[in-house]
Amino acid sequence: MNKIRKGDEVIVLAGRDKGKRGKVALRKDDSYLVVDGINLVKKHTKPNPLKGTAGGIVEKSMPIHQSNVAIVNPASGKADRVGIKLQADGTRVRVFKSSGEEIKVA
Protein backbone atom coordinates (compact mmCIF):
# COMPACT_ATOMS: atom_id res chain seq x y z
CA MET A 1 0.00 0.00 0.00
CA ASN A 2 1.40 3.38 -1.02
CA LYS A 3 1.37 5.88 1.80
CA ILE A 4 1.28 8.82 -0.63
CA ARG A 5 -1.28 8.62 -3.42
CA LYS A 6 -2.46 10.64 -6.40
CA GLY A 7 -4.46 13.67 -5.27
CA ASP A 8 -2.77 14.02 -1.86
CA GLU A 9 -1.45 17.44 -0.86
CA VAL A 10 2.25 17.20 0.01
CA ILE A 11 5.03 19.51 1.20
CA VAL A 12 8.63 19.21 0.00
CA LEU A 13 11.13 18.40 2.78
CA ALA A 14 14.43 18.51 0.85
CA GLY A 15 15.87 19.97 -2.33
CA ARG A 16 15.66 23.29 -4.12
CA ASP A 17 11.86 23.44 -3.70
CA LYS A 18 11.97 22.87 0.09
CA GLY A 19 8.86 24.21 1.82
CA LYS A 20 6.66 24.35 -1.29
CA ARG A 21 3.30 22.60 -1.40
CA GLY A 22 1.48 20.89 -4.24
CA LYS A 23 -0.87 18.09 -5.23
CA VAL A 24 0.44 14.73 -6.42
CA ALA A 25 -0.36 14.53 -10.16
CA LEU A 26 0.79 10.94 -10.71
CA ARG A 27 3.02 8.16 -9.42
CA LYS A 28 5.79 7.25 -11.85
CA ASP A 29 6.69 4.01 -10.07
CA ASP A 30 6.99 2.68 -6.52
CA SER A 31 9.28 5.44 -5.27
CA TYR A 32 8.87 8.47 -7.57
CA LEU A 33 5.95 10.86 -7.95
CA VAL A 34 5.17 13.98 -9.95
CA VAL A 35 3.88 16.97 -7.98
CA ASP A 36 2.23 19.95 -9.72
CA GLY A 37 4.52 23.00 -9.66
CA ILE A 38 7.40 21.19 -7.95
CA ASN A 39 10.78 20.26 -9.47
CA LEU A 40 10.17 22.29 -12.64
CA VAL A 41 12.75 22.11 -15.43
CA LYS A 42 12.98 23.90 -18.76
CA LYS A 43 12.79 21.47 -21.68
CA HIS A 44 13.79 22.55 -25.18
CA THR A 45 11.41 21.08 -27.75
CA LYS A 46 11.55 20.97 -31.53
CA PRO A 47 8.49 22.02 -33.53
CA ASN A 48 6.40 19.13 -34.87
CA PRO A 49 3.96 20.26 -37.57
CA LEU A 50 2.34 16.80 -37.76
CA LYS A 51 1.27 16.98 -34.10
CA GLY A 52 0.64 20.73 -34.29
CA THR A 53 3.13 21.61 -31.54
CA ALA A 54 5.29 24.69 -31.69
CA GLY A 55 8.95 24.58 -30.73
CA GLY A 56 10.44 26.47 -27.83
CA ILE A 57 11.20 26.20 -24.16
CA VAL A 58 8.55 24.41 -22.07
CA GLU A 59 8.45 24.15 -18.27
CA LYS A 60 7.78 20.60 -17.14
CA SER A 61 7.35 18.95 -13.72
CA MET A 62 9.85 16.15 -13.19
CA PRO A 63 9.52 13.24 -10.72
CA ILE A 64 10.68 13.65 -7.12
CA HIS A 65 11.50 10.84 -4.69
CA GLN A 66 8.77 10.12 -2.16
CA SER A 67 11.24 10.34 0.73
CA ASN A 68 11.63 14.06 -0.03
CA VAL A 69 7.94 14.85 0.47
CA ALA A 70 5.49 14.50 3.36
CA ILE A 71 1.70 14.57 3.35
CA VAL A 72 0.06 17.72 4.77
CA ASN A 73 -2.35 17.33 7.69
CA PRO A 74 -5.25 19.73 6.94
CA ALA A 75 -6.13 20.05 10.65
CA SER A 76 -2.70 21.39 11.66
CA GLY A 77 -1.48 22.60 8.24
CA LYS A 78 1.89 20.93 8.84
CA ALA A 79 3.74 17.92 7.44
CA ASP A 80 2.79 14.60 8.99
CA ARG A 81 3.76 10.95 8.75
CA VAL A 82 1.38 8.27 7.52
CA GLY A 83 0.53 5.04 9.29
CA ILE A 84 -1.57 2.05 8.27
CA LYS A 85 -4.43 0.93 10.50
CA LEU A 86 -6.25 -2.37 10.17
CA GLN A 87 -10.00 -2.05 10.69
CA ALA A 88 -12.33 -4.68 12.15
CA ASP A 89 -13.60 -5.80 8.74
CA GLY A 90 -10.04 -6.41 7.49
CA THR A 91 -9.58 -3.31 5.35
CA ARG A 92 -6.47 -1.19 5.68
CA VAL A 93 -6.74 2.59 5.94
CA ARG A 94 -4.16 5.37 6.05
CA VAL A 95 -4.04 7.47 9.23
CA PHE A 96 -2.03 10.49 10.38
CA LYS A 97 0.59 9.46 12.97
CA SER A 98 0.17 12.63 15.06
CA SER A 99 -3.60 12.51 15.55
CA GLY A 100 -4.61 9.01 14.48
CA GLU A 101 -7.45 10.30 12.31
CA GLU A 102 -8.15 8.70 8.95
CA ILE A 103 -6.84 10.35 5.76
CA LYS A 104 -9.71 11.31 3.50
CA VAL A 105 -9.37 10.10 -0.09
CA ALA A 106 -9.43 13.08 -2.45
PDB file of N, CA and C in Angstrom:
ATOM      1  N   MET A   1       0.848  -1.187   0.000  1.00  0.00           N
ATOM      2  CA  MET A   1       0.000   0.000   0.000  1.00  0.00           C
ATOM      3  C   MET A   1       0.885   1.239   0.000  1.00  0.00           C
ATOM      4  N   ASN A   2       0.638   2.138  -0.963  1.00  0.00           N
ATOM      5  CA  ASN A   2       1.398   3.379  -1.018  1.00  0.00           C
ATOM      6  C   ASN A   2       0.877   4.352   0.019  1.00  0.00           C
ATOM      7  N   LYS A   3       1.780   4.944   0.767  1.00  0.00           N
ATOM      8  CA  LYS A   3       1.374   5.885   1.795  1.00  0.00           C
ATOM      9  C   LYS A   3       1.032   7.251   1.208  1.00  0.00           C
ATOM     10  N   ILE A   4       1.615   7.577   0.064  1.00  0.00           N
ATOM     11  CA  ILE A   4       1.280   8.825  -0.627  1.00  0.00           C
ATOM     12  C   ILE A   4       0.659   8.448  -1.966  1.00  0.00           C
ATOM     13  N   ARG A   5      -0.521   8.985  -2.228  1.00  0.00           N
ATOM     14  CA  ARG A   5      -1.277   8.618  -3.422  1.00  0.00           C
ATOM     15  C   ARG A   5      -1.573   9.841  -4.277  1.00  0.00           C
ATOM     16  N   LYS A   6      -2.063   9.578  -5.486  1.00  0.00           N
ATOM     17  CA  LYS A   6      -2.463  10.639  -6.398  1.00  0.00           C
ATOM     18  C   LYS A   6      -3.582  11.460  -5.768  1.00  0.00           C
ATOM     19  N   GLY A   7      -3.448  12.783  -5.835  1.00  0.00           N
ATOM     20  CA  GLY A   7      -4.459  13.668  -5.271  1.00  0.00           C
ATOM     21  C   GLY A   7      -4.132  14.173  -3.880  1.00  0.00           C
ATOM     22  N   ASP A   8      -3.154  13.570  -3.198  1.00  0.00           N
ATOM     23  CA  ASP A   8      -2.766  14.022  -1.862  1.00  0.00           C
ATOM     24  C   ASP A   8      -2.019  15.352  -1.947  1.00  0.00           C
ATOM     25  N   GLU A   9      -2.219  16.204  -0.939  1.00  0.00           N
ATOM     26  CA  GLU A   9      -1.447  17.440  -0.860  1.00  0.00           C
ATOM     27  C   GLU A   9      -0.184  17.149  -0.055  1.00  0.00           C
ATOM     28  N   VAL A  10       0.976  17.500  -0.632  1.00  0.00           N
ATOM     29  CA  VAL A  10       2.251  17.205   0.012  1.00  0.00           C
ATOM     30  C   VAL A  10       3.076  18.485   0.138  1.00  0.00           C
ATOM     31  N   ILE A  11       4.071  18.429   1.027  1.00  0.00           N
ATOM     32  CA  ILE A  11       5.025  19.508   1.202  1.00  0.00           C
ATOM     33  C   ILE A  11       6.417  18.922   0.984  1.00  0.00           C
ATOM     34  N   VAL A  12       7.286  19.687   0.321  1.00  0.00           N
ATOM     35  CA  VAL A  12       8.628  19.206  -0.003  1.00  0.00           C
ATOM     36  C   VAL A  12       9.531  19.414   1.204  1.00  0.00           C
ATOM     37  N   LEU A  13      10.258  18.358   1.611  1.00  0.00           N
ATOM     38  CA  LEU A  13      11.133  18.398   2.781  1.00  0.00           C
ATOM     39  C   LEU A  13      12.586  18.690   2.436  1.00  0.00           C
ATOM     40  N   ALA A  14      13.019  18.354   1.215  1.00  0.00           N
ATOM     41  CA  ALA A  14      14.428  18.510   0.850  1.00  0.00           C
ATOM     42  C   ALA A  14      14.541  18.890  -0.613  1.00  0.00           C
ATOM     43  N   GLY A  15      15.619  19.576  -0.945  1.00  0.00           N
ATOM     44  CA  GLY A  15      15.875  19.966  -2.326  1.00  0.00           C
ATOM     45  C   GLY A  15      15.664  21.442  -2.545  1.00  0.00           C
ATOM     46  N   ARG A  16      15.736  21.861  -3.803  1.00  0.00           N
ATOM     47  CA  ARG A  16      15.660  23.290  -4.116  1.00  0.00           C
ATOM     48  C   ARG A  16      14.257  23.855  -3.935  1.00  0.00           C
ATOM     49  N   ASP A  17      13.239  22.999  -3.896  1.00  0.00           N
ATOM     50  CA  ASP A  17      11.859  23.439  -3.696  1.00  0.00           C
ATOM     51  C   ASP A  17      11.378  23.218  -2.263  1.00  0.00           C
ATOM     52  N   LYS A  18      12.297  23.145  -1.309  1.00  0.00           N
ATOM     53  CA  LYS A  18      11.967  22.868   0.086  1.00  0.00           C
ATOM     54  C   LYS A  18      10.954  23.883   0.610  1.00  0.00           C
ATOM     55  N   GLY A  19       9.893  23.357   1.238  1.00  0.00           N
ATOM     56  CA  GLY A  19       8.862  24.215   1.817  1.00  0.00           C
ATOM     57  C   GLY A  19       7.665  24.450   0.914  1.00  0.00           C
ATOM     58  N   LYS A  20       7.775  24.145  -0.364  1.00  0.00           N
ATOM     59  CA  LYS A  20       6.663  24.351  -1.290  1.00  0.00           C
ATOM     60  C   LYS A  20       5.646  23.229  -1.151  1.00  0.00           C
ATOM     61  N   ARG A  21       4.387  23.568  -1.472  1.00  0.00           N
ATOM     62  CA  ARG A  21       3.298  22.598  -1.403  1.00  0.00           C
ATOM     63  C   ARG A  21       2.718  22.366  -2.788  1.00  0.00           C
ATOM     64  N   GLY A  22       2.137  21.194  -2.986  1.00  0.00           N
ATOM     65  CA  GLY A  22       1.483  20.890  -4.238  1.00  0.00           C
ATOM     66  C   GLY A  22       0.714  19.584  -4.146  1.00  0.00           C
ATOM     67  N   LYS A  23      -0.103  19.321  -5.165  1.00  0.00           N
ATOM     68  CA  LYS A  23      -0.871  18.085  -5.232  1.00  0.00           C
ATOM     69  C   LYS A  23      -0.123  17.062  -6.075  1.00  0.00           C
ATOM     70  N   VAL A  24      -0.205  15.805  -5.677  1.00  0.00           N
ATOM     71  CA  VAL A  24       0.438  14.729  -6.425  1.00  0.00           C
ATOM     72  C   VAL A  24      -0.366  14.511  -7.709  1.00  0.00           C
ATOM     73  N   ALA A  25       0.299  14.691  -8.865  1.00  0.00           N
ATOM     74  CA  ALA A  25      -0.357  14.526 -10.159  1.00  0.00           C
ATOM     75  C   ALA A  25      -0.385  13.054 -10.568  1.00  0.00           C
ATOM     76  N   LEU A  26       0.740  12.353 -10.378  1.00  0.00           N
ATOM     77  CA  LEU A  26       0.792  10.938 -10.710  1.00  0.00           C
ATOM     78  C   LEU A  26       1.984  10.284 -10.039  1.00  0.00           C
ATOM     79  N   ARG A  27       1.899   8.953  -9.932  1.00  0.00           N
ATOM     80  CA  ARG A  27       3.020   8.160  -9.416  1.00  0.00           C
ATOM     81  C   ARG A  27       3.727   7.548 -10.611  1.00  0.00           C
ATOM     82  N   LYS A  28       5.033   7.822 -10.751  1.00  0.00           N
ATOM     83  CA  LYS A  28       5.794   7.250 -11.854  1.00  0.00           C
ATOM     84  C   LYS A  28       6.027   5.758 -11.634  1.00  0.00           C
ATOM     85  N   ASP A  29       6.479   5.410 -10.433  1.00  0.00           N
ATOM     86  CA  ASP A  29       6.687   4.009 -10.065  1.00  0.00           C
ATOM     87  C   ASP A  29       6.558   3.904  -8.551  1.00  0.00           C
ATOM     88  N   ASP A  30       7.151   2.888  -7.953  1.00  0.00           N
ATOM     89  CA  ASP A  30       6.993   2.679  -6.516  1.00  0.00           C
ATOM     90  C   ASP A  30       7.572   3.797  -5.658  1.00  0.00           C
ATOM     91  N   SER A  31       8.616   4.471  -6.141  1.00  0.00           N
ATOM     92  CA  SER A  31       9.282   5.441  -5.274  1.00  0.00           C
ATOM     93  C   SER A  31       9.301   6.870  -5.802  1.00  0.00           C
ATOM     94  N   TYR A  32       8.845   7.119  -7.021  1.00  0.00           N
ATOM     95  CA  TYR A  32       8.869   8.472  -7.574  1.00  0.00           C
ATOM     96  C   TYR A  32       7.467   8.957  -7.888  1.00  0.00           C
ATOM     97  N   LEU A  33       7.228  10.265  -7.636  1.00  0.00           N
ATOM     98  CA  LEU A  33       5.946  10.859  -7.945  1.00  0.00           C
ATOM     99  C   LEU A  33       6.129  12.238  -8.545  1.00  0.00           C
ATOM    100  N   VAL A  34       5.152  12.663  -9.323  1.00  0.00           N
ATOM    101  CA  VAL A  34       5.174  13.978  -9.954  1.00  0.00           C
ATOM    102  C   VAL A  34       4.193  14.856  -9.197  1.00  0.00           C
ATOM    103  N   VAL A  35       4.692  16.027  -8.738  1.00  0.00           N
ATOM    104  CA  VAL A  35       3.878  16.967  -7.980  1.00  0.00           C
ATOM    105  C   VAL A  35       3.728  18.234  -8.819  1.00  0.00           C
ATOM    106  N   ASP A  36       2.489  18.739  -8.930  1.00  0.00           N
ATOM    107  CA  ASP A  36       2.228  19.946  -9.717  1.00  0.00           C
ATOM    108  C   ASP A  36       3.009  21.136  -9.169  1.00  0.00           C
ATOM    109  N   GLY A  37       3.786  21.797 -10.035  1.00  0.00           N
ATOM    110  CA  GLY A  37       4.515  23.003  -9.661  1.00  0.00           C
ATOM    111  C   GLY A  37       5.796  22.770  -8.890  1.00  0.00           C
ATOM    112  N   ILE A  38       6.193  21.519  -8.710  1.00  0.00           N
ATOM    113  CA  ILE A  38       7.402  21.187  -7.953  1.00  0.00           C
ATOM    114  C   ILE A  38       8.409  20.538  -8.891  1.00  0.00           C
ATOM    115  N   ASN A  39       9.688  20.837  -8.689  1.00  0.00           N
ATOM    116  CA  ASN A  39      10.780  20.257  -9.469  1.00  0.00           C
ATOM    117  C   ASN A  39      10.612  20.567 -10.963  1.00  0.00           C
ATOM    118  N   LEU A  40      10.356  21.853 -11.260  1.00  0.00           N
ATOM    119  CA  LEU A  40      10.169  22.286 -12.638  1.00  0.00           C
ATOM    120  C   LEU A  40      11.511  22.421 -13.340  1.00  0.00           C
ATOM    121  N   VAL A  41      11.560  21.954 -14.588  1.00  0.00           N
ATOM    122  CA  VAL A  41      12.746  22.106 -15.425  1.00  0.00           C
ATOM    123  C   VAL A  41      12.313  22.704 -16.757  1.00  0.00           C
ATOM    124  N   LYS A  42      13.255  23.342 -17.443  1.00  0.00           N
ATOM    125  CA  LYS A  42      12.983  23.897 -18.760  1.00  0.00           C
ATOM    126  C   LYS A  42      13.432  22.881 -19.805  1.00  0.00           C
ATOM    127  N   LYS A  43      12.507  22.459 -20.648  1.00  0.00           N
ATOM    128  CA  LYS A  43      12.792  21.468 -21.683  1.00  0.00           C
ATOM    129  C   LYS A  43      12.698  22.144 -23.042  1.00  0.00           C
ATOM    130  N   HIS A  44      13.750  21.975 -23.843  1.00  0.00           N
ATOM    131  CA  HIS A  44      13.788  22.553 -25.180  1.00  0.00           C
ATOM    132  C   HIS A  44      13.158  21.549 -26.143  1.00  0.00           C
ATOM    133  N   THR A  45      12.118  21.983 -26.843  1.00  0.00           N
ATOM    134  CA  THR A  45      11.414  21.082 -27.745  1.00  0.00           C
ATOM    135  C   THR A  45      11.497  21.584 -29.179  1.00  0.00           C
ATOM    136  N   LYS A  46      11.560  20.644 -30.104  1.00  0.00           N
ATOM    137  CA  LYS A  46      11.546  20.970 -31.528  1.00  0.00           C
ATOM    138  C   LYS A  46      10.097  21.118 -31.984  1.00  0.00           C
ATOM    139  N   PRO A  47       9.856  21.941 -33.000  1.00  0.00           N
ATOM    140  CA  PRO A  47       8.489  22.015 -33.527  1.00  0.00           C
ATOM    141  C   PRO A  47       8.132  20.733 -34.276  1.00  0.00           C
ATOM    142  N   ASN A  48       6.884  20.314 -34.162  1.00  0.00           N
ATOM    143  CA  ASN A  48       6.397  19.130 -34.868  1.00  0.00           C
ATOM    144  C   ASN A  48       5.094  19.507 -35.575  1.00  0.00           C
ATOM    145  N   PRO A  49       5.176  19.822 -36.867  1.00  0.00           N
ATOM    146  CA  PRO A  49       3.963  20.257 -37.566  1.00  0.00           C
ATOM    147  C   PRO A  49       2.909  19.157 -37.701  1.00  0.00           C
ATOM    148  N   LEU A  50       3.310  17.893 -37.666  1.00  0.00           N
ATOM    149  CA  LEU A  50       2.337  16.801 -37.764  1.00  0.00           C
ATOM    150  C   LEU A  50       1.451  16.729 -36.520  1.00  0.00           C
ATOM    151  N   LYS A  51       2.042  16.987 -35.343  1.00  0.00           N
ATOM    152  CA  LYS A  51       1.265  16.982 -34.098  1.00  0.00           C
ATOM    153  C   LYS A  51       0.679  18.355 -33.796  1.00  0.00           C
ATOM    154  N   GLY A  52       1.138  19.373 -34.523  1.00  0.00           N
ATOM    155  CA  GLY A  52       0.636  20.727 -34.292  1.00  0.00           C
ATOM    156  C   GLY A  52       1.257  21.416 -33.094  1.00  0.00           C
ATOM    157  N   THR A  53       2.461  20.983 -32.682  1.00  0.00           N
ATOM    158  CA  THR A  53       3.128  21.614 -31.541  1.00  0.00           C
ATOM    159  C   THR A  53       4.198  22.571 -32.029  1.00  0.00           C
ATOM    160  N   ALA A  54       4.276  23.705 -31.353  1.00  0.00           N
ATOM    161  CA  ALA A  54       5.289  24.691 -31.690  1.00  0.00           C
ATOM    162  C   ALA A  54       6.554  24.397 -30.895  1.00  0.00           C
ATOM    163  N   GLY A  55       7.688  24.779 -31.437  1.00  0.00           N
ATOM    164  CA  GLY A  55       8.949  24.584 -30.728  1.00  0.00           C
ATOM    165  C   GLY A  55       9.152  25.666 -29.702  1.00  0.00           C
ATOM    166  N   GLY A  56      10.134  25.466 -28.842  1.00  0.00           N
ATOM    167  CA  GLY A  56      10.443  26.468 -27.831  1.00  0.00           C
ATOM    168  C   GLY A  56      10.852  25.835 -26.523  1.00  0.00           C
ATOM    169  N   ILE A  57      10.814  26.651 -25.487  1.00  0.00           N
ATOM    170  CA  ILE A  57      11.198  26.197 -24.158  1.00  0.00           C
ATOM    171  C   ILE A  57       9.928  25.993 -23.342  1.00  0.00           C
ATOM    172  N   VAL A  58       9.752  24.775 -22.821  1.00  0.00           N
ATOM    173  CA  VAL A  58       8.553  24.407 -22.069  1.00  0.00           C
ATOM    174  C   VAL A  58       8.959  24.052 -20.649  1.00  0.00           C
ATOM    175  N   GLU A  59       8.199  24.548 -19.654  1.00  0.00           N
ATOM    176  CA  GLU A  59       8.446  24.153 -18.268  1.00  0.00           C
ATOM    177  C   GLU A  59       7.669  22.868 -17.988  1.00  0.00           C
ATOM    178  N   LYS A  60       8.353  21.925 -17.363  1.00  0.00           N
ATOM    179  CA  LYS A  60       7.779  20.599 -17.137  1.00  0.00           C
ATOM    180  C   LYS A  60       8.091  20.157 -15.716  1.00  0.00           C
ATOM    181  N   SER A  61       7.119  19.503 -15.057  1.00  0.00           N
ATOM    182  CA  SER A  61       7.346  18.945 -13.722  1.00  0.00           C
ATOM    183  C   SER A  61       8.025  17.597 -13.864  1.00  0.00           C
ATOM    184  N   MET A  62       9.123  17.408 -13.157  1.00  0.00           N
ATOM    185  CA  MET A  62       9.853  16.148 -13.186  1.00  0.00           C
ATOM    186  C   MET A  62       9.573  15.367 -11.897  1.00  0.00           C
ATOM    187  N   PRO A  63       9.796  14.054 -11.917  1.00  0.00           N
ATOM    188  CA  PRO A  63       9.524  13.238 -10.723  1.00  0.00           C
ATOM    189  C   PRO A  63      10.445  13.602  -9.558  1.00  0.00           C
ATOM    190  N   ILE A  64       9.923  13.421  -8.352  1.00  0.00           N
ATOM    191  CA  ILE A  64      10.677  13.646  -7.122  1.00  0.00           C
ATOM    192  C   ILE A  64      10.511  12.392  -6.264  1.00  0.00           C
ATOM    193  N   HIS A  65      11.553  12.051  -5.516  1.00  0.00           N
ATOM    194  CA  HIS A  65      11.504  10.838  -4.693  1.00  0.00           C
ATOM    195  C   HIS A  65      10.538  11.052  -3.530  1.00  0.00           C
ATOM    196  N   GLN A  66       9.789   9.996  -3.200  1.00  0.00           N
ATOM    197  CA  GLN A  66       8.769  10.121  -2.163  1.00  0.00           C
ATOM    198  C   GLN A  66       9.352  10.372  -0.771  1.00  0.00           C
ATOM    199  N   SER A  67      10.633  10.073  -0.575  1.00  0.00           N
ATOM    200  CA  SER A  67      11.244  10.340   0.726  1.00  0.00           C
ATOM    201  C   SER A  67      11.478  11.827   0.939  1.00  0.00           C
ATOM    202  N   ASN A  68      11.411  12.613  -0.133  1.00  0.00           N
ATOM    203  CA  ASN A  68      11.633  14.059  -0.031  1.00  0.00           C
ATOM    204  C   ASN A  68      10.345  14.848   0.128  1.00  0.00           C
ATOM    205  N   VAL A  69       9.216  14.169   0.245  1.00  0.00           N
ATOM    206  CA  VAL A  69       7.942  14.854   0.471  1.00  0.00           C
ATOM    207  C   VAL A  69       7.222  14.224   1.650  1.00  0.00           C
ATOM    208  N   ALA A  70       6.323  15.007   2.265  1.00  0.00           N
ATOM    209  CA  ALA A  70       5.489  14.504   3.359  1.00  0.00           C
ATOM    210  C   ALA A  70       4.075  14.999   3.125  1.00  0.00           C
ATOM    211  N   ILE A  71       3.109  14.205   3.528  1.00  0.00           N
ATOM    212  CA  ILE A  71       1.703  14.568   3.355  1.00  0.00           C
ATOM    213  C   ILE A  71       1.350  15.682   4.344  1.00  0.00           C
ATOM    214  N   VAL A  72       0.458  16.588   3.931  1.00  0.00           N
ATOM    215  CA  VAL A  72       0.060  17.723   4.771  1.00  0.00           C
ATOM    216  C   VAL A  72      -1.203  17.346   5.534  1.00  0.00           C
ATOM    217  N   ASN A  73      -1.174  17.552   6.851  1.00  0.00           N
ATOM    218  CA  ASN A  73      -2.346  17.328   7.695  1.00  0.00           C
ATOM    219  C   ASN A  73      -3.207  18.585   7.634  1.00  0.00           C
ATOM    220  N   PRO A  74      -4.435  18.514   7.082  1.00  0.00           N
ATOM    221  CA  PRO A  74      -5.247  19.726   6.945  1.00  0.00           C
ATOM    222  C   PRO A  74      -5.665  20.333   8.283  1.00  0.00           C
ATOM    223  N   ALA A  75      -5.731  19.534   9.341  1.00  0.00           N
ATOM    224  CA  ALA A  75      -6.126  20.053  10.651  1.00  0.00           C
ATOM    225  C   ALA A  75      -5.052  20.981  11.221  1.00  0.00           C
ATOM    226  N   SER A  76      -3.782  20.583  11.102  1.00  0.00           N
ATOM    227  CA  SER A  76      -2.697  21.393  11.656  1.00  0.00           C
ATOM    228  C   SER A  76      -2.018  22.253  10.606  1.00  0.00           C
ATOM    229  N   GLY A  77      -2.127  21.860   9.319  1.00  0.00           N
ATOM    230  CA  GLY A  77      -1.476  22.598   8.242  1.00  0.00           C
ATOM    231  C   GLY A  77       0.006  22.302   8.123  1.00  0.00           C
ATOM    232  N   LYS A  78       0.473  21.279   8.842  1.00  0.00           N
ATOM    233  CA  LYS A  78       1.893  20.928   8.841  1.00  0.00           C
ATOM    234  C   LYS A  78       2.100  19.547   8.229  1.00  0.00           C
ATOM    235  N   ALA A  79       3.372  19.232   7.966  1.00  0.00           N
ATOM    236  CA  ALA A  79       3.736  17.920   7.439  1.00  0.00           C
ATOM    237  C   ALA A  79       3.491  16.853   8.503  1.00  0.00           C
ATOM    238  N   ASP A  80       3.083  15.681   8.057  1.00  0.00           N
ATOM    239  CA  ASP A  80       2.792  14.600   8.986  1.00  0.00           C
ATOM    240  C   ASP A  80       3.209  13.269   8.365  1.00  0.00           C
ATOM    241  N   ARG A  81       3.442  12.289   9.219  1.00  0.00           N
ATOM    242  CA  ARG A  81       3.762  10.945   8.751  1.00  0.00           C
ATOM    243  C   ARG A  81       2.472  10.154   8.590  1.00  0.00           C
ATOM    244  N   VAL A  82       2.555   9.084   7.808  1.00  0.00           N
ATOM    245  CA  VAL A  82       1.381   8.270   7.517  1.00  0.00           C
ATOM    246  C   VAL A  82       1.574   6.888   8.115  1.00  0.00           C
ATOM    247  N   GLY A  83       0.526   6.392   8.753  1.00  0.00           N
ATOM    248  CA  GLY A  83       0.525   5.039   9.285  1.00  0.00           C
ATOM    249  C   GLY A  83      -0.606   4.244   8.661  1.00  0.00           C
ATOM    250  N   ILE A  84      -0.540   2.935   8.789  1.00  0.00           N
ATOM    251  CA  ILE A  84      -1.570   2.045   8.268  1.00  0.00           C
ATOM    252  C   ILE A  84      -2.298   1.415   9.453  1.00  0.00           C
ATOM    253  N   LYS A  85      -3.624   1.492   9.424  1.00  0.00           N
ATOM    254  CA  LYS A  85      -4.432   0.930  10.505  1.00  0.00           C
ATOM    255  C   LYS A  85      -5.345  -0.136   9.927  1.00  0.00           C
ATOM    256  N   LEU A  86      -5.401  -1.269  10.592  1.00  0.00           N
ATOM    257  CA  LEU A  86      -6.253  -2.370  10.172  1.00  0.00           C
ATOM    258  C   LEU A  86      -7.595  -2.248  10.883  1.00  0.00           C
ATOM    259  N   GLN A  87      -8.669  -2.178  10.095  1.00  0.00           N
ATOM    260  CA  GLN A  87      -9.998  -2.049  10.695  1.00  0.00           C
ATOM    261  C   GLN A  87     -10.587  -3.415  11.009  1.00  0.00           C
ATOM    262  N   ALA A  88     -11.713  -3.427  11.697  1.00  0.00           N
ATOM    263  CA  ALA A  88     -12.328  -4.678  12.147  1.00  0.00           C
ATOM    264  C   ALA A  88     -12.740  -5.583  10.989  1.00  0.00           C
ATOM    265  N   ASP A  89     -13.163  -4.978   9.872  1.00  0.00           N
ATOM    266  CA  ASP A  89     -13.603  -5.796   8.737  1.00  0.00           C
ATOM    267  C   ASP A  89     -12.452  -6.262   7.850  1.00  0.00           C
ATOM    268  N   GLY A  90     -11.210  -5.940   8.222  1.00  0.00           N
ATOM    269  CA  GLY A  90     -10.041  -6.412   7.491  1.00  0.00           C
ATOM    270  C   GLY A  90      -9.474  -5.441   6.477  1.00  0.00           C
ATOM    271  N   THR A  91     -10.106  -4.286   6.303  1.00  0.00           N
ATOM    272  CA  THR A  91      -9.585  -3.305   5.352  1.00  0.00           C
ATOM    273  C   THR A  91      -8.503  -2.467   6.013  1.00  0.00           C
ATOM    274  N   ARG A  92      -7.557  -2.020   5.180  1.00  0.00           N
ATOM    275  CA  ARG A  92      -6.468  -1.189   5.678  1.00  0.00           C
ATOM    276  C   ARG A  92      -6.724   0.249   5.267  1.00  0.00           C
ATOM    277  N   VAL A  93      -6.548   1.170   6.216  1.00  0.00           N
ATOM    278  CA  VAL A  93      -6.742   2.592   5.936  1.00  0.00           C
ATOM    279  C   VAL A  93      -5.500   3.362   6.359  1.00  0.00           C
ATOM    280  N   ARG A  94      -5.280   4.494   5.696  1.00  0.00           N
ATOM    281  CA  ARG A  94      -4.164   5.371   6.055  1.00  0.00           C
ATOM    282  C   ARG A  94      -4.616   6.338   7.144  1.00  0.00           C
ATOM    283  N   VAL A  95      -3.742   6.548   8.129  1.00  0.00           N
ATOM    284  CA  VAL A  95      -4.040   7.469   9.228  1.00  0.00           C
ATOM    285  C   VAL A  95      -2.838   8.383   9.451  1.00  0.00           C
ATOM    286  N   PHE A  96      -3.106   9.578   9.993  1.00  0.00           N
ATOM    287  CA  PHE A  96      -2.034  10.486  10.384  1.00  0.00           C
ATOM    288  C   PHE A  96      -1.424   9.980  11.685  1.00  0.00           C
ATOM    289  N   LYS A  97      -0.091   9.955  11.773  1.00  0.00           N
ATOM    290  CA  LYS A  97       0.590   9.457  12.972  1.00  0.00           C
ATOM    291  C   LYS A  97       0.358  10.376  14.170  1.00  0.00           C
ATOM    292  N   SER A  98       0.271  11.697  13.945  1.00  0.00           N
ATOM    293  CA  SER A  98       0.168  12.625  15.063  1.00  0.00           C
ATOM    294  C   SER A  98      -1.188  12.559  15.754  1.00  0.00           C
ATOM    295  N   SER A  99      -2.265  12.481  14.963  1.00  0.00           N
ATOM    296  CA  SER A  99      -3.598  12.514  15.550  1.00  0.00           C
ATOM    297  C   SER A  99      -4.333  11.181  15.513  1.00  0.00           C
ATOM    298  N   GLY A 100      -3.946  10.295  14.597  1.00  0.00           N
ATOM    299  CA  GLY A 100      -4.606   9.006  14.482  1.00  0.00           C
ATOM    300  C   GLY A 100      -5.864   9.042  13.657  1.00  0.00           C
ATOM    301  N   GLU A 101      -6.221  10.219  13.107  1.00  0.00           N
ATOM    302  CA  GLU A 101      -7.446  10.297  12.306  1.00  0.00           C
ATOM    303  C   GLU A 101      -7.194   9.805  10.892  1.00  0.00           C
ATOM    304  N   GLU A 102      -8.255   9.295  10.277  1.00  0.00           N
ATOM    305  CA  GLU A 102      -8.152   8.697   8.948  1.00  0.00           C
ATOM    306  C   GLU A 102      -7.919   9.772   7.886  1.00  0.00           C
ATOM    307  N   ILE A 103      -7.114   9.434   6.876  1.00  0.00           N
ATOM    308  CA  ILE A 103      -6.838  10.349   5.759  1.00  0.00           C
ATOM    309  C   ILE A 103      -7.962  10.203   4.757  1.00  0.00           C
ATOM    310  N   LYS A 104      -8.620  11.321   4.451  1.00  0.00           N
ATOM    311  CA  LYS A 104      -9.715  11.315   3.502  1.00  0.00           C
ATOM    312  C   LYS A 104      -9.170  11.186   2.092  1.00  0.00           C
ATOM    313  N   VAL A 105      -9.782  10.304   1.288  1.00  0.00           N
ATOM    314  CA  VAL A 105      -9.366  10.105  -0.089  1.00  0.00           C
ATOM    315  C   VAL A 105      -9.921  11.238  -0.930  1.00  0.00           C
ATOM    316  N   ALA A 106      -9.006  11.929  -1.647  1.00  0.00           N
ATOM    317  CA  ALA A 106      -9.426  13.081  -2.452  1.00  0.00           C
ATOM    318  C   ALA A 106     -10.015  12.663  -3.770  1.00  0.00           C
TER     319      ALA A 106
END
